[in-house]
Structures are given as C-alpha cells and as structure tokens.
Protein backbone atom coordinates (compact mmCIF):
# COMPACT_ATOMS: atom_id res chain seq x y z
CA MET A 1 11.41 -34.64 -15.93
CA THR A 2 8.60 -32.76 -14.18
CA ILE A 3 9.95 -30.59 -11.39
CA ILE A 4 7.12 -28.08 -10.99
CA ASN A 5 3.88 -28.89 -9.23
CA PRO A 6 1.15 -27.63 -11.62
CA ASN A 7 -0.82 -26.37 -8.61
CA ILE A 8 2.00 -23.93 -7.71
CA VAL A 9 1.50 -20.56 -9.35
CA LYS A 10 4.68 -18.87 -8.14
CA PRO A 11 7.80 -18.70 -10.33
CA PRO A 12 10.72 -20.97 -9.51
CA PHE A 13 13.94 -19.59 -8.08
CA VAL A 14 16.68 -19.71 -10.71
CA SER A 15 20.40 -19.08 -10.69
CA PHE A 16 23.06 -19.48 -13.35
CA GLU A 17 26.62 -20.73 -13.58
CA ARG A 18 29.13 -21.14 -16.38
CA VAL A 19 30.78 -24.55 -16.12
CA GLY A 20 33.71 -26.06 -17.98
CA VAL A 21 32.71 -29.50 -19.32
CA TYR A 22 34.49 -32.17 -21.32
CA ASP A 23 34.32 -31.56 -25.08
CA ARG A 24 34.36 -35.04 -26.55
CA GLU A 25 34.20 -33.99 -30.19
CA LYS A 26 37.12 -31.58 -29.97
CA SER A 27 39.13 -33.97 -27.79
CA GLU A 28 38.77 -36.77 -30.35
CA GLU A 29 39.61 -34.36 -33.16
CA THR A 30 42.77 -32.97 -31.56
CA GLY A 31 43.87 -35.95 -29.53
CA TYR A 32 44.01 -33.77 -26.41
CA TYR A 33 41.70 -33.40 -23.46
CA CYS A 34 39.52 -30.38 -24.31
CA THR A 35 36.75 -28.59 -22.48
CA LYS A 36 34.13 -26.00 -23.34
CA ASP A 37 32.08 -23.49 -21.38
CA VAL A 38 28.43 -24.34 -20.87
CA ASP A 39 25.86 -22.17 -19.11
CA TYR A 40 23.77 -24.03 -16.54
CA ILE A 41 20.53 -22.95 -14.94
CA TYR A 42 19.72 -24.20 -11.45
CA VAL A 43 15.98 -24.37 -10.83
CA THR A 44 14.42 -24.43 -7.37
CA PRO A 45 10.62 -24.78 -7.25
CA ALA A 46 8.94 -22.15 -5.07
CA GLY A 47 8.96 -22.98 -1.35
CA THR A 48 11.51 -25.81 -1.59
CA LYS A 49 15.26 -26.29 -1.29
CA ASP A 50 15.50 -28.73 -4.19
CA ARG A 51 17.94 -27.59 -6.88
CA TYR A 52 17.81 -29.03 -10.38
CA PRO A 53 20.58 -28.30 -12.93
CA PHE A 54 19.86 -27.92 -16.65
CA ILE A 55 21.74 -26.57 -19.64
CA ALA A 56 20.32 -23.03 -19.72
CA GLU A 57 19.63 -22.57 -23.43
CA ARG A 58 18.09 -26.04 -23.76
CA PHE A 59 15.91 -25.54 -20.68
CA ILE A 60 14.60 -22.18 -21.91
CA ALA A 61 13.91 -23.59 -25.40
CA ASP A 62 11.98 -26.52 -23.89
CA LYS A 63 9.83 -24.23 -21.73
CA LYS A 64 9.17 -21.94 -24.68
CA ALA A 65 7.92 -24.97 -26.59
CA LEU A 66 5.64 -25.93 -23.69
CA SER A 67 4.31 -22.38 -23.65
CA ALA A 68 3.52 -22.61 -27.36
CA LYS A 69 1.50 -25.75 -26.62
CA GLY A 70 -0.59 -23.83 -24.07
CA ASP A 71 1.06 -24.85 -20.80
CA PRO A 72 -0.39 -22.27 -18.32
CA TYR A 73 2.61 -22.28 -15.97
CA TRP A 74 5.42 -21.92 -18.49
CA SER A 75 3.36 -19.56 -20.64
CA LYS A 76 3.71 -17.15 -17.75
CA TYR A 77 7.28 -17.79 -16.61
CA TRP A 78 9.51 -18.94 -19.47
CA GLU A 79 10.09 -15.43 -20.81
CA PRO A 80 11.01 -13.84 -17.43
CA ILE A 81 13.51 -16.69 -16.97
CA LYS A 82 14.96 -15.95 -20.41
CA LYS A 83 15.32 -12.26 -19.47
CA SER A 84 17.04 -13.27 -16.24
CA TYR A 85 19.47 -15.41 -18.22
CA GLU A 86 20.22 -12.57 -20.64
CA ALA A 87 20.82 -10.19 -17.72
CA TRP A 88 23.18 -12.69 -16.07
CA LYS A 89 25.15 -13.15 -19.31
CA ASN A 90 25.55 -9.37 -19.55
CA GLY A 91 26.88 -9.15 -16.02
CA GLN A 92 23.72 -7.55 -14.65
CA ASP A 93 21.69 -8.42 -11.56
CA VAL A 94 18.98 -10.94 -12.28
CA PRO A 95 15.71 -8.97 -12.21
CA VAL A 96 12.98 -9.92 -9.76
CA ASP A 97 9.26 -9.25 -9.81
CA GLY A 98 8.54 -7.36 -6.59
CA THR A 99 10.49 -5.67 -3.80
CA PRO A 100 13.94 -7.30 -3.46
CA ILE A 101 14.62 -8.62 0.03
CA LYS A 102 18.09 -7.08 0.02
CA ALA A 103 16.52 -3.65 -0.50
CA TRP A 104 13.95 -4.03 2.30
CA PRO A 105 15.00 -1.93 5.33
CA LEU A 106 12.80 -3.81 7.82
CA LEU A 107 15.03 -6.86 7.65
CA SER A 108 18.61 -6.89 8.88
CA PRO A 109 21.36 -7.84 6.42
CA ALA A 110 21.91 -11.09 8.31
CA ARG A 111 18.23 -12.05 8.07
CA GLN A 112 18.16 -11.03 4.43
CA LYS A 113 20.90 -13.58 3.79
CA VAL A 114 18.92 -16.27 5.62
CA TRP A 115 15.80 -15.69 3.50
CA GLU A 116 17.83 -15.52 0.29
CA HIS A 117 19.60 -18.75 1.22
CA ALA A 118 16.13 -20.33 1.50
CA ASN A 119 15.49 -19.17 -2.08
CA PHE A 120 13.23 -16.21 -1.33
CA ARG A 121 13.95 -13.16 -3.46
CA THR A 122 11.24 -10.63 -2.70
CA VAL A 123 9.12 -9.32 0.16
CA GLU A 124 6.08 -10.54 -1.75
CA GLU A 125 7.45 -14.09 -1.70
CA MET A 126 8.13 -13.76 2.04
CA ALA A 127 4.51 -12.72 2.64
CA GLU A 128 3.26 -15.83 0.79
CA ALA A 129 5.73 -18.34 2.22
CA ASN A 130 4.24 -21.78 2.85
CA GLU A 131 5.01 -24.06 5.78
CA GLU A 132 7.89 -25.76 3.98
CA GLY A 133 9.40 -22.41 3.09
CA LEU A 134 9.09 -21.17 6.68
CA ALA A 135 10.74 -24.33 7.92
CA ASN A 136 13.62 -23.76 5.50
CA VAL A 137 14.13 -20.25 6.91
CA GLY A 138 13.90 -21.43 10.49
CA MET A 139 13.38 -19.53 13.75
CA GLY A 140 11.71 -16.14 13.40
CA ALA A 141 10.40 -16.83 9.91
CA ARG A 142 6.70 -16.72 10.79
CA ALA A 143 6.97 -13.34 12.54
CA GLU A 144 8.94 -11.94 9.62
CA LYS A 145 6.35 -13.28 7.20
CA GLU A 146 3.65 -11.37 9.10
CA LYS A 147 5.85 -8.27 9.10
CA ALA A 148 6.12 -8.57 5.31
CA ARG A 149 2.36 -8.99 4.92
CA SER A 150 1.65 -5.96 7.11
CA TRP A 151 4.19 -3.84 5.24
CA LEU A 152 2.71 -4.76 1.86
CA LYS A 153 -0.83 -4.03 3.08
CA THR A 154 0.22 -0.63 4.44
CA ARG A 155 1.93 0.19 1.17
CA ALA A 156 -1.13 -0.84 -0.81
CA ASP A 157 -3.42 1.23 1.45
CA THR A 158 -1.12 4.24 1.12
CA SER A 159 -1.07 3.85 -2.63
CA LYS A 160 -4.88 3.67 -2.72
CA VAL A 161 -5.21 6.82 -0.61
CA ALA A 162 -2.75 8.61 -2.89
CA SER A 163 -4.70 7.44 -5.93
CA ASP A 164 -8.00 8.57 -4.40
CA ASN A 165 -6.50 11.95 -3.52
CA ALA A 166 -5.24 12.34 -7.07
CA GLY A 167 -8.73 11.56 -8.37
CA LEU A 168 -10.32 14.11 -6.04
CA LYS A 169 -7.74 16.71 -7.07
CA GLU A 170 -8.59 16.15 -10.74
CA LYS A 171 -12.31 16.52 -10.03
CA LEU A 172 -11.69 19.71 -8.03
CA GLU A 173 -9.58 21.18 -10.81
CA ALA A 174 -12.28 20.33 -13.36
CA ALA A 175 -14.94 21.97 -11.15
CA GLU A 176 -12.78 25.09 -10.76
CA GLU A 177 -12.35 25.27 -14.53
CA ARG A 178 -16.13 25.03 -15.04
CA LEU A 179 -16.69 27.73 -12.41
CA GLN A 180 -14.14 29.99 -14.08
CA ALA A 181 -15.79 29.42 -17.45
CA ASN A 182 -19.20 30.34 -15.99
CA GLU A 183 -17.76 33.50 -14.43
CA ASP A 184 -16.21 34.48 -17.77
CA LEU A 185 -19.55 33.92 -19.50
CA ILE A 186 -21.36 36.07 -16.93
CA ARG A 187 -18.84 38.88 -17.45
CA GLN A 188 -19.28 38.65 -21.22
CA LEU A 189 -23.08 38.78 -20.97
CA LYS A 190 -22.92 41.71 -18.55
CA SER A 191 -20.57 43.55 -20.92
CA GLN A 192 -22.93 42.93 -23.84
CA LEU A 193 -25.90 44.12 -21.79
CA ASP A 194 -24.05 47.31 -20.81
CA ARG A 195 -23.16 48.02 -24.44
CA LEU A 196 -26.74 47.45 -25.58
CA SER A 197 -28.08 49.64 -22.78
CA ASN A 198 -25.69 52.47 -23.56
CA ALA A 199 -26.42 52.26 -27.28
CA ARG A 200 -30.20 52.33 -26.68
CA ILE A 201 -30.02 55.28 -24.34
CA ALA A 202 -27.82 57.20 -26.77
CA ALA A 203 -30.27 56.61 -29.62
CA ASP A 204 -33.39 57.39 -27.60
CA PRO A 205 -32.66 59.19 -24.30
CA VAL A 206 -34.93 58.36 -21.41
CA GLU A 207 -36.85 61.31 -19.98
CA GLU A 208 -36.38 62.21 -16.37
CA GLY A 209 -38.46 60.00 -14.12
CA GLU A 210 -39.11 57.46 -16.88
CA GLU A 211 -38.42 53.80 -16.13
CA ILE A 212 -37.00 51.33 -18.68
CA SER A 213 -36.84 47.59 -18.25
CA ALA A 214 -34.07 45.15 -19.24
CA ALA A 215 -36.49 43.59 -21.71
CA GLU A 216 -36.90 46.93 -23.44
CA ILE A 217 -33.12 47.34 -23.63
CA LEU A 218 -32.62 43.91 -25.17
CA ASP A 219 -35.56 44.25 -27.53
CA LYS A 220 -34.11 45.75 -30.71
CA PRO A 221 -36.25 48.75 -31.77
CA LYS A 222 -37.60 49.03 -35.27
CA ARG A 223 -37.97 52.82 -35.56
CA GLY A 224 -37.34 53.95 -32.05
CA ARG A 225 -39.50 53.76 -28.94
CA PRO A 226 -42.60 56.05 -29.01
CA ARG A 227 -42.57 58.94 -26.57
CA LYS A 228 -44.56 58.63 -23.41
CA ALA A 229 -47.83 60.58 -23.67
CA ALA A 230 -47.89 63.82 -21.68
C-alpha cells in the first residue's frame, strides 16, 4: 500500500506501540489462548492526520529494500526511522531532526501540545506547514508558523554573522603572526648588521672625520680597506 505522496520530501511522523496479539501457532500447540508482544509503527504522512499501522520490523525491512532499489524517498528516511525505533525500544526519546517543539520557548506548553497533536515535531516543520497542516492545528496556526519562520531566519543570520566574525578573527590572527615574523626578521638583520659593523671597525678603525657607508660595512674586505690619502 502506498501511503506517501512521492512529491512530499518531508519525513513522515512515526510513533511506536507494543501490542499483545493472538498467537495462533502457540495456541494450537498448547490448547490454550496465547498471545505475543508485537511492536507496531504508526505512520502519519507529513501534513496529514492519517495514521497507518504496520508491524515495525516488517515495515522497516520493506523500506530498506525500497531504498536498495533506488527509491529516493525511502533512501533518505528509512534509516532515521530505524534509529527512532531502536531508541524507542531502549526507552529513549525518539530523536528528531531539528529543534523540538517542546524545547522551543516561544510557544506555550499548551500550544506545543496542539502542534504535537497535529503531528508536528520540530520548529522547522512548523515553519513549512502546508494548508492542511495549518487546518489541523487550527486557530492561531498561521501566526505561529510565521513566528517559527522568523525565529529560524534570525538564528540563521546570527549564525552567519558569528561564522563571518570567526573568519575575520582567523585572518586578523594570521596577519598579526606575519607582522610579528617580519618584526623578528628585521631585528635579526639589524643585529647582524651591528655585529658586522662592530667587527669591521675593530679590524680597521675609522679615522676621525672619515665617513663609512653601510655598503662598505657589508662588503667583506679582502686585505683590509686602504687608508685614505693624506
């Protein structure tokens, strides 16, 4: 049975329940009415209130097989559903992709319950709610959808500014390191020049009033500089 519109790119809402069902094989074997526990997954396509029950392990195996055949929808969503099922079996909260509605401070607890009852799990899903989804939520849904969109945009803008600032800080630090390296090099060259100058003067003192250029200091003498003619 096809329950997902191929044009819908959002994941379905899923929930799980362990149900006691009649165990025919064991009942016939023992002669008593016997039951067994079976995990069910309830699947609600995005933006609807329809709820379809399936045996969880069989449903996940089927969608994995569709993924292996190249189905674009289930290639993306079968594994997150499997992880949700594993979390539920371990007594953990079913993970969601986005900002959970129940953790969003801009919505009252009562309104959070209304959106969750309409099968919305995250602020991102609120911001993308279609007309059917808004109708399922009822009065106030459209304004809250816009609030969600504005909040997400502000968060994205803030994140971009923070990222840009981090990039500028890195560039500034790199420039400061280059400047420091240049200053160190200048100090080294000056120290070398001073040593060469002092060594040259010690080997061949300059007469009073005589001028000596930097080029003469750096030019290594062969036998010593000739004396200036009297």
